[in-house]
Amino acid sequence: MSDSPETPASGRIPLVRGSDGHAYIPADLVVDLLRAIASAHRNLADDPDCDLHTAAAAIDQEADALSVNVMLNTAPTRETP
């Protein structure tokens, strides 16, 4: 077993940079992501030591990781004065 932390699932989602500099996720991967969330919830539903707060915390961690990935892989936006 490795001592390094596992890459969050959201860190493995390929991002496509649009001509506007924003990051986009291809629609088929969004569908896969939603199905993975549903599957994880079904698995957690059978775990007596897990509740919806735990599931929500895991989703928040993935969202945070995806936000960081987006920031690292997109052009900075300019704010107009």
PDB file of N, CA and C in Angstrom:
ATOM      1  N   MET A   1       0.842  -1.182   0.000  1.00  0.00           N
ATOM      2  CA  MET A   1       0.000   0.000   0.000  1.00  0.00           C
ATOM      3  C   MET A   1       0.885   1.242   0.000  1.00  0.00           C
ATOM      4  N   SER A   2       0.496   2.234  -0.739  1.00  0.00           N
ATOM      5  CA  SER A   2       1.267   3.467  -0.871  1.00  0.00           C
ATOM      6  C   SER A   2       0.953   4.428   0.270  1.00  0.00           C
ATOM      7  N   ASP A   3       1.972   5.200   0.666  1.00  0.00           N
ATOM      8  CA  ASP A   3       1.770   6.199   1.714  1.00  0.00           C
ATOM      9  C   ASP A   3       1.212   7.504   1.162  1.00  0.00           C
ATOM     10  N   SER A   4       1.238   7.670  -0.166  1.00  0.00           N
ATOM     11  CA  SER A   4       0.742   8.912  -0.744  1.00  0.00           C
ATOM     12  C   SER A   4      -0.788   8.880  -0.799  1.00  0.00           C
ATOM     13  N   PRO A   5      -1.411  10.042  -0.615  1.00  0.00           N
ATOM     14  CA  PRO A   5      -2.877  10.080  -0.638  1.00  0.00           C
ATOM     15  C   PRO A   5      -3.413   9.777  -2.033  1.00  0.00           C
ATOM     16  N   GLU A   6      -4.580   9.151  -2.054  1.00  0.00           N
ATOM     17  CA  GLU A   6      -5.214   8.826  -3.329  1.00  0.00           C
ATOM     18  C   GLU A   6      -5.743  10.098  -3.983  1.00  0.00           C
ATOM     19  N   THR A   7      -5.617  10.164  -5.307  1.00  0.00           N
ATOM     20  CA  THR A   7      -6.159  11.291  -6.052  1.00  0.00           C
ATOM     21  C   THR A   7      -7.674  11.251  -5.964  1.00  0.00           C
ATOM     22  N   PRO A   8      -8.310  12.358  -5.591  1.00  0.00           N
ATOM     23  CA  PRO A   8      -9.778  12.372  -5.568  1.00  0.00           C
ATOM     24  C   PRO A   8     -10.322  12.036  -6.946  1.00  0.00           C
ATOM     25  N   ALA A   9     -11.479  11.413  -6.970  1.00  0.00           N
ATOM     26  CA  ALA A   9     -12.101  11.042  -8.246  1.00  0.00           C
ATOM     27  C   ALA A   9     -12.237  12.263  -9.150  1.00  0.00           C
ATOM     28  N   SER A  10     -12.587  13.389  -8.571  1.00  0.00           N
ATOM     29  CA  SER A  10     -12.779  14.594  -9.375  1.00  0.00           C
ATOM     30  C   SER A  10     -11.479  15.072 -10.002  1.00  0.00           C
ATOM     31  N   GLY A  11     -10.347  14.691  -9.448  1.00  0.00           N
ATOM     32  CA  GLY A  11      -9.062  15.055 -10.013  1.00  0.00           C
ATOM     33  C   GLY A  11      -8.726  14.262 -11.259  1.00  0.00           C
ATOM     34  N   ARG A  12      -9.472  13.202 -11.493  1.00  0.00           N
ATOM     35  CA  ARG A  12      -9.250  12.380 -12.678  1.00  0.00           C
ATOM     36  C   ARG A  12     -10.214  12.720 -13.806  1.00  0.00           C
ATOM     37  N   ILE A  13     -11.055  13.729 -13.606  1.00  0.00           N
ATOM     38  CA  ILE A  13     -12.000  14.143 -14.637  1.00  0.00           C
ATOM     39  C   ILE A  13     -11.275  15.074 -15.606  1.00  0.00           C
ATOM     40  N   PRO A  14     -11.228  14.698 -16.881  1.00  0.00           N
ATOM     41  CA  PRO A  14     -10.557  15.583 -17.830  1.00  0.00           C
ATOM     42  C   PRO A  14     -11.385  16.840 -18.087  1.00  0.00           C
ATOM     43  N   LEU A  15     -10.731  17.962 -18.013  1.00  0.00           N
ATOM     44  CA  LEU A  15     -11.389  19.242 -18.266  1.00  0.00           C
ATOM     45  C   LEU A  15     -11.043  19.724 -19.664  1.00  0.00           C
ATOM     46  N   VAL A  16     -11.991  20.351 -20.296  1.00  0.00           N
ATOM     47  CA  VAL A  16     -11.783  20.943 -21.616  1.00  0.00           C
ATOM     48  C   VAL A  16     -11.856  22.453 -21.435  1.00  0.00           C
ATOM     49  N   ARG A  17     -10.810  23.131 -21.858  1.00  0.00           N
ATOM     50  CA  ARG A  17     -10.814  24.591 -21.745  1.00  0.00           C
ATOM     51  C   ARG A  17     -11.497  25.178 -22.966  1.00  0.00           C
ATOM     52  N   GLY A  18     -12.547  25.947 -22.719  1.00  0.00           N
ATOM     53  CA  GLY A  18     -13.278  26.590 -23.798  1.00  0.00           C
ATOM     54  C   GLY A  18     -12.540  27.817 -24.303  1.00  0.00           C
ATOM     55  N   SER A  19     -13.001  28.345 -25.417  1.00  0.00           N
ATOM     56  CA  SER A  19     -12.372  29.537 -25.985  1.00  0.00           C
ATOM     57  C   SER A  19     -12.513  30.745 -25.065  1.00  0.00           C
ATOM     58  N   ASP A  20     -13.449  30.653 -24.110  1.00  0.00           N
ATOM     59  CA  ASP A  20     -13.629  31.736 -23.143  1.00  0.00           C
ATOM     60  C   ASP A  20     -12.712  31.605 -21.929  1.00  0.00           C
ATOM     61  N   GLY A  21     -11.873  30.545 -21.912  1.00  0.00           N
ATOM     62  CA  GLY A  21     -10.952  30.338 -20.798  1.00  0.00           C
ATOM     63  C   GLY A  21     -11.543  29.549 -19.652  1.00  0.00           C
ATOM     64  N   HIS A  22     -12.826  29.259 -19.700  1.00  0.00           N
ATOM     65  CA  HIS A  22     -13.466  28.488 -18.629  1.00  0.00           C
ATOM     66  C   HIS A  22     -13.285  26.993 -18.857  1.00  0.00           C
ATOM     67  N   ALA A  23     -13.368  26.242 -17.762  1.00  0.00           N
ATOM     68  CA  ALA A  23     -13.247  24.785 -17.850  1.00  0.00           C
ATOM     69  C   ALA A  23     -14.628  24.173 -18.042  1.00  0.00           C
ATOM     70  N   TYR A  24     -14.674  23.158 -18.877  1.00  0.00           N
ATOM     71  CA  TYR A  24     -15.918  22.436 -19.122  1.00  0.00           C
ATOM     72  C   TYR A  24     -15.668  20.946 -18.987  1.00  0.00           C
ATOM     73  N   ILE A  25     -16.697  20.225 -18.584  1.00  0.00           N
ATOM     74  CA  ILE A  25     -16.648  18.775 -18.485  1.00  0.00           C
ATOM     75  C   ILE A  25     -17.555  18.230 -19.579  1.00  0.00           C
ATOM     76  N   PRO A  26     -17.052  17.320 -20.410  1.00  0.00           N
ATOM     77  CA  PRO A  26     -17.904  16.745 -21.451  1.00  0.00           C
ATOM     78  C   PRO A  26     -19.158  16.098 -20.848  1.00  0.00           C
ATOM     79  N   ALA A  27     -20.279  16.232 -21.539  1.00  0.00           N
ATOM     80  CA  ALA A  27     -21.576  15.769 -21.031  1.00  0.00           C
ATOM     81  C   ALA A  27     -21.562  14.298 -20.647  1.00  0.00           C
ATOM     82  N   ASP A  28     -20.900  13.446 -21.434  1.00  0.00           N
ATOM     83  CA  ASP A  28     -20.893  12.022 -21.095  1.00  0.00           C
ATOM     84  C   ASP A  28     -20.193  11.773 -19.764  1.00  0.00           C
ATOM     85  N   LEU A  29     -19.191  12.588 -19.434  1.00  0.00           N
ATOM     86  CA  LEU A  29     -18.522  12.438 -18.143  1.00  0.00           C
ATOM     87  C   LEU A  29     -19.382  12.961 -17.000  1.00  0.00           C
ATOM     88  N   VAL A  30     -20.204  13.969 -17.259  1.00  0.00           N
ATOM     89  CA  VAL A  30     -21.136  14.451 -16.235  1.00  0.00           C
ATOM     90  C   VAL A  30     -22.133  13.345 -15.893  1.00  0.00           C
ATOM     91  N   VAL A  31     -22.616  12.646 -16.922  1.00  0.00           N
ATOM     92  CA  VAL A  31     -23.535  11.527 -16.693  1.00  0.00           C
ATOM     93  C   VAL A  31     -22.836  10.450 -15.857  1.00  0.00           C
ATOM     94  N   ASP A  32     -21.591  10.115 -16.209  1.00  0.00           N
ATOM     95  CA  ASP A  32     -20.831   9.124 -15.442  1.00  0.00           C
ATOM     96  C   ASP A  32     -20.643   9.574 -13.994  1.00  0.00           C
ATOM     97  N   LEU A  33     -20.364  10.857 -13.801  1.00  0.00           N
ATOM     98  CA  LEU A  33     -20.179  11.400 -12.455  1.00  0.00           C
ATOM     99  C   LEU A  33     -21.458  11.269 -11.636  1.00  0.00           C
ATOM    100  N   LEU A  34     -22.580  11.616 -12.224  1.00  0.00           N
ATOM    101  CA  LEU A  34     -23.857  11.503 -11.512  1.00  0.00           C
ATOM    102  C   LEU A  34     -24.174  10.053 -11.174  1.00  0.00           C
ATOM    103  N   ARG A  35     -23.881   9.134 -12.098  1.00  0.00           N
ATOM    104  CA  ARG A  35     -24.123   7.709 -11.817  1.00  0.00           C
ATOM    105  C   ARG A  35     -23.202   7.209 -10.707  1.00  0.00           C
ATOM    106  N   ALA A  36     -21.977   7.697 -10.660  1.00  0.00           N
ATOM    107  CA  ALA A  36     -21.053   7.309  -9.597  1.00  0.00           C
ATOM    108  C   ALA A  36     -21.541   7.819  -8.243  1.00  0.00           C
ATOM    109  N   ILE A  37     -22.077   9.027  -8.209  1.00  0.00           N
ATOM    110  CA  ILE A  37     -22.628   9.574  -6.962  1.00  0.00           C
ATOM    111  C   ILE A  37     -23.814   8.731  -6.510  1.00  0.00           C
ATOM    112  N   ALA A  38     -24.695   8.370  -7.442  1.00  0.00           N
ATOM    113  CA  ALA A  38     -25.847   7.539  -7.106  1.00  0.00           C
ATOM    114  C   ALA A  38     -25.399   6.171  -6.584  1.00  0.00           C
ATOM    115  N   SER A  39     -24.412   5.593  -7.233  1.00  0.00           N
ATOM    116  CA  SER A  39     -23.908   4.287  -6.805  1.00  0.00           C
ATOM    117  C   SER A  39     -23.303   4.362  -5.401  1.00  0.00           C
ATOM    118  N   ALA A  40     -22.532   5.415  -5.155  1.00  0.00           N
ATOM    119  CA  ALA A  40     -21.942   5.590  -3.829  1.00  0.00           C
ATOM    120  C   ALA A  40     -23.021   5.732  -2.764  1.00  0.00           C
ATOM    121  N   HIS A  41     -24.098   6.442  -3.079  1.00  0.00           N
ATOM    122  CA  HIS A  41     -25.185   6.599  -2.117  1.00  0.00           C
ATOM    123  C   HIS A  41     -25.882   5.274  -1.848  1.00  0.00           C
ATOM    124  N   ARG A  42     -26.052   4.471  -2.882  1.00  0.00           N
ATOM    125  CA  ARG A  42     -26.655   3.147  -2.666  1.00  0.00           C
ATOM    126  C   ARG A  42     -25.776   2.302  -1.760  1.00  0.00           C
ATOM    127  N   ASN A  43     -24.459   2.351  -1.982  1.00  0.00           N
ATOM    128  CA  ASN A  43     -23.542   1.597  -1.131  1.00  0.00           C
ATOM    129  C   ASN A  43     -23.562   2.112   0.302  1.00  0.00           C
ATOM    130  N   LEU A  44     -23.608   3.429   0.460  1.00  0.00           N
ATOM    131  CA  LEU A  44     -23.634   4.009   1.809  1.00  0.00           C
ATOM    132  C   LEU A  44     -24.949   3.718   2.526  1.00  0.00           C
ATOM    133  N   ALA A  45     -26.020   3.574   1.773  1.00  0.00           N
ATOM    134  CA  ALA A  45     -27.316   3.296   2.383  1.00  0.00           C
ATOM    135  C   ALA A  45     -27.302   1.964   3.119  1.00  0.00           C
ATOM    136  N   ASP A  46     -26.457   1.054   2.692  1.00  0.00           N
ATOM    137  CA  ASP A  46     -26.369  -0.260   3.326  1.00  0.00           C
ATOM    138  C   ASP A  46     -25.373  -0.297   4.477  1.00  0.00           C
ATOM    139  N   ASP A  47     -24.668   0.790   4.710  1.00  0.00           N
ATOM    140  CA  ASP A  47     -23.661   0.849   5.769  1.00  0.00           C
ATOM    141  C   ASP A  47     -24.279   1.477   7.017  1.00  0.00           C
ATOM    142  N   PRO A  48     -24.444   0.699   8.092  1.00  0.00           N
ATOM    143  CA  PRO A  48     -25.080   1.244   9.294  1.00  0.00           C
ATOM    144  C   PRO A  48     -24.263   2.333   9.991  1.00  0.00           C
ATOM    145  N   ASP A  49     -22.974   2.416   9.684  1.00  0.00           N
ATOM    146  CA  ASP A  49     -22.120   3.420  10.323  1.00  0.00           C
ATOM    147  C   ASP A  49     -22.017   4.710   9.510  1.00  0.00           C
ATOM    148  N   CYS A  50     -22.797   4.820   8.457  1.00  0.00           N
ATOM    149  CA  CYS A  50     -22.715   5.980   7.591  1.00  0.00           C
ATOM    150  C   CYS A  50     -24.079   6.658   7.500  1.00  0.00           C
ATOM    151  N   ASP A  51     -24.065   7.961   7.398  1.00  0.00           N
ATOM    152  CA  ASP A  51     -25.323   8.697   7.253  1.00  0.00           C
ATOM    153  C   ASP A  51     -25.177   9.723   6.122  1.00  0.00           C
ATOM    154  N   LEU A  52     -26.228  10.469   5.879  1.00  0.00           N
ATOM    155  CA  LEU A  52     -26.197  11.438   4.789  1.00  0.00           C
ATOM    156  C   LEU A  52     -25.192  12.557   5.034  1.00  0.00           C
ATOM    157  N   HIS A  53     -24.903  12.866   6.285  1.00  0.00           N
ATOM    158  CA  HIS A  53     -23.901  13.894   6.576  1.00  0.00           C
ATOM    159  C   HIS A  53     -22.519  13.442   6.099  1.00  0.00           C
ATOM    160  N   THR A  54     -22.224  12.164   6.284  1.00  0.00           N
ATOM    161  CA  THR A  54     -20.953  11.624   5.829  1.00  0.00           C
ATOM    162  C   THR A  54     -20.876  11.662   4.305  1.00  0.00           C
ATOM    163  N   ALA A  55     -21.964  11.280   3.656  1.00  0.00           N
ATOM    164  CA  ALA A  55     -22.009  11.303   2.189  1.00  0.00           C
ATOM    165  C   ALA A  55     -21.851  12.733   1.677  1.00  0.00           C
ATOM    166  N   ALA A  56     -22.525  13.673   2.303  1.00  0.00           N
ATOM    167  CA  ALA A  56     -22.431  15.069   1.883  1.00  0.00           C
ATOM    168  C   ALA A  56     -21.006  15.591   2.061  1.00  0.00           C
ATOM    169  N   ALA A  57     -20.344  15.204   3.141  1.00  0.00           N
ATOM    170  CA  ALA A  57     -18.962  15.637   3.367  1.00  0.00           C
ATOM    171  C   ALA A  57     -18.041  15.101   2.280  1.00  0.00           C
ATOM    172  N   ALA A  58     -18.264  13.863   1.863  1.00  0.00           N
ATOM    173  CA  ALA A  58     -17.446  13.285   0.795  1.00  0.00           C
ATOM    174  C   ALA A  58     -17.676  14.019  -0.518  1.00  0.00           C
ATOM    175  N   ILE A  59     -18.911  14.361  -0.808  1.00  0.00           N
ATOM    176  CA  ILE A  59     -19.220  15.103  -2.035  1.00  0.00           C
ATOM    177  C   ILE A  59     -18.594  16.493  -1.974  1.00  0.00           C
ATOM    178  N   ASP A  60     -18.652  17.142  -0.817  1.00  0.00           N
ATOM    179  CA  ASP A  60     -18.011  18.455  -0.652  1.00  0.00           C
ATOM    180  C   ASP A  60     -16.511  18.372  -0.916  1.00  0.00           C
ATOM    181  N   GLN A  61     -15.868  17.307  -0.433  1.00  0.00           N
ATOM    182  CA  GLN A  61     -14.428  17.152  -0.666  1.00  0.00           C
ATOM    183  C   GLN A  61     -14.128  16.995  -2.150  1.00  0.00           C
ATOM    184  N   GLU A  62     -14.954  16.229  -2.839  1.00  0.00           N
ATOM    185  CA  GLU A  62     -14.765  16.060  -4.282  1.00  0.00           C
ATOM    186  C   GLU A  62     -14.994  17.396  -5.008  1.00  0.00           C
ATOM    187  N   ALA A  63     -16.007  18.139  -4.586  1.00  0.00           N
ATOM    188  CA  ALA A  63     -16.275  19.441  -5.208  1.00  0.00           C
ATOM    189  C   ALA A  63     -15.103  20.396  -4.992  1.00  0.00           C
ATOM    190  N   ASP A  64     -14.542  20.379  -3.794  1.00  0.00           N
ATOM    191  CA  ASP A  64     -13.376  21.221  -3.516  1.00  0.00           C
ATOM    192  C   ASP A  64     -12.198  20.830  -4.404  1.00  0.00           C
ATOM    193  N   ALA A  65     -11.971  19.535  -4.540  1.00  0.00           N
ATOM    194  CA  ALA A  65     -10.865  19.064  -5.377  1.00  0.00           C
ATOM    195  C   ALA A  65     -11.085  19.447  -6.835  1.00  0.00           C
ATOM    196  N   LEU A  66     -12.315  19.349  -7.307  1.00  0.00           N
ATOM    197  CA  LEU A  66     -12.612  19.739  -8.684  1.00  0.00           C
ATOM    198  C   LEU A  66     -12.417  21.235  -8.871  1.00  0.00           C
ATOM    199  N   SER A  67     -12.800  22.035  -7.892  1.00  0.00           N
ATOM    200  CA  SER A  67     -12.594  23.487  -7.973  1.00  0.00           C
ATOM    201  C   SER A  67     -11.113  23.822  -8.098  1.00  0.00           C
ATOM    202  N   VAL A  68     -10.288  23.140  -7.325  1.00  0.00           N
ATOM    203  CA  VAL A  68      -8.844  23.371  -7.405  1.00  0.00           C
ATOM    204  C   VAL A  68      -8.329  22.970  -8.783  1.00  0.00           C
ATOM    205  N   ASN A  69      -8.788  21.829  -9.285  1.00  0.00           N
ATOM    206  CA  ASN A  69      -8.375  21.370 -10.612  1.00  0.00           C
ATOM    207  C   ASN A  69      -8.763  22.389 -11.678  1.00  0.00           C
ATOM    208  N   VAL A  70      -9.949  22.944 -11.566  1.00  0.00           N
ATOM    209  CA  VAL A  70     -10.401  23.965 -12.518  1.00  0.00           C
ATOM    210  C   VAL A  70      -9.495  25.187 -12.439  1.00  0.00           C
ATOM    211  N   MET A  71      -9.201  25.641 -11.231  1.00  0.00           N
ATOM    212  CA  MET A  71      -8.355  26.829 -11.074  1.00  0.00           C
ATOM    213  C   MET A  71      -6.960  26.611 -11.646  1.00  0.00           C
ATOM    214  N   LEU A  72      -6.446  25.406 -11.499  1.00  0.00           N
ATOM    215  CA  LEU A  72      -5.101  25.118 -11.989  1.00  0.00           C
ATOM    216  C   LEU A  72      -5.047  24.939 -13.501  1.00  0.00           C
ATOM    217  N   ASN A  73      -6.185  24.666 -14.113  1.00  0.00           N
ATOM    218  CA  ASN A  73      -6.189  24.327 -15.533  1.00  0.00           C
ATOM    219  C   ASN A  73      -6.976  25.284 -16.414  1.00  0.00           C
ATOM    220  N   THR A  74      -7.247  26.464 -15.927  1.00  0.00           N
ATOM    221  CA  THR A  74      -7.947  27.447 -16.743  1.00  0.00           C
ATOM    222  C   THR A  74      -7.226  28.778 -16.673  1.00  0.00           C
ATOM    223  N   ALA A  75      -7.508  29.571 -17.668  1.00  0.00           N
ATOM    224  CA  ALA A  75      -6.899  30.897 -17.710  1.00  0.00           C
ATOM    225  C   ALA A  75      -7.566  31.790 -16.680  1.00  0.00           C
ATOM    226  N   PRO A  76      -6.802  32.663 -16.065  1.00  0.00           N
ATOM    227  CA  PRO A  76      -7.423  33.600 -15.116  1.00  0.00           C
ATOM    228  C   PRO A  76      -8.400  34.521 -15.843  1.00  0.00           C
ATOM    229  N   THR A  77      -9.454  34.863 -15.167  1.00  0.00           N
ATOM    230  CA  THR A  77     -10.434  35.765 -15.771  1.00  0.00           C
ATOM    231  C   THR A  77     -10.072  37.199 -15.408  1.00  0.00           C
ATOM    232  N   ARG A  78     -10.411  38.094 -16.278  1.00  0.00           N
ATOM    233  CA  ARG A  78     -10.145  39.512 -16.023  1.00  0.00           C
ATOM    234  C   ARG A  78     -11.430  40.168 -15.563  1.00  0.00           C
ATOM    235  N   GLU A  79     -11.301  40.942 -14.539  1.00  0.00           N
ATOM    236  CA  GLU A  79     -12.439  41.729 -14.079  1.00  0.00           C
ATOM    237  C   GLU A  79     -12.314  43.123 -14.663  1.00  0.00           C
ATOM    238  N   THR A  80     -13.422  43.626 -15.160  1.00  0.00           N
ATOM    239  CA  THR A  80     -13.398  44.976 -15.694  1.00  0.00           C
ATOM    240  C   THR A  80     -13.704  45.961 -14.582  1.00  0.00           C
ATOM    241  N   PRO A  81     -12.990  47.069 -14.577  1.00  0.00           N
ATOM    242  CA  PRO A  81     -13.199  48.071 -13.507  1.00  0.00           C
ATOM    243  C   PRO A  81     -14.549  48.743 -13.597  1.00  0.00           C
TER     244      PRO A  81
END
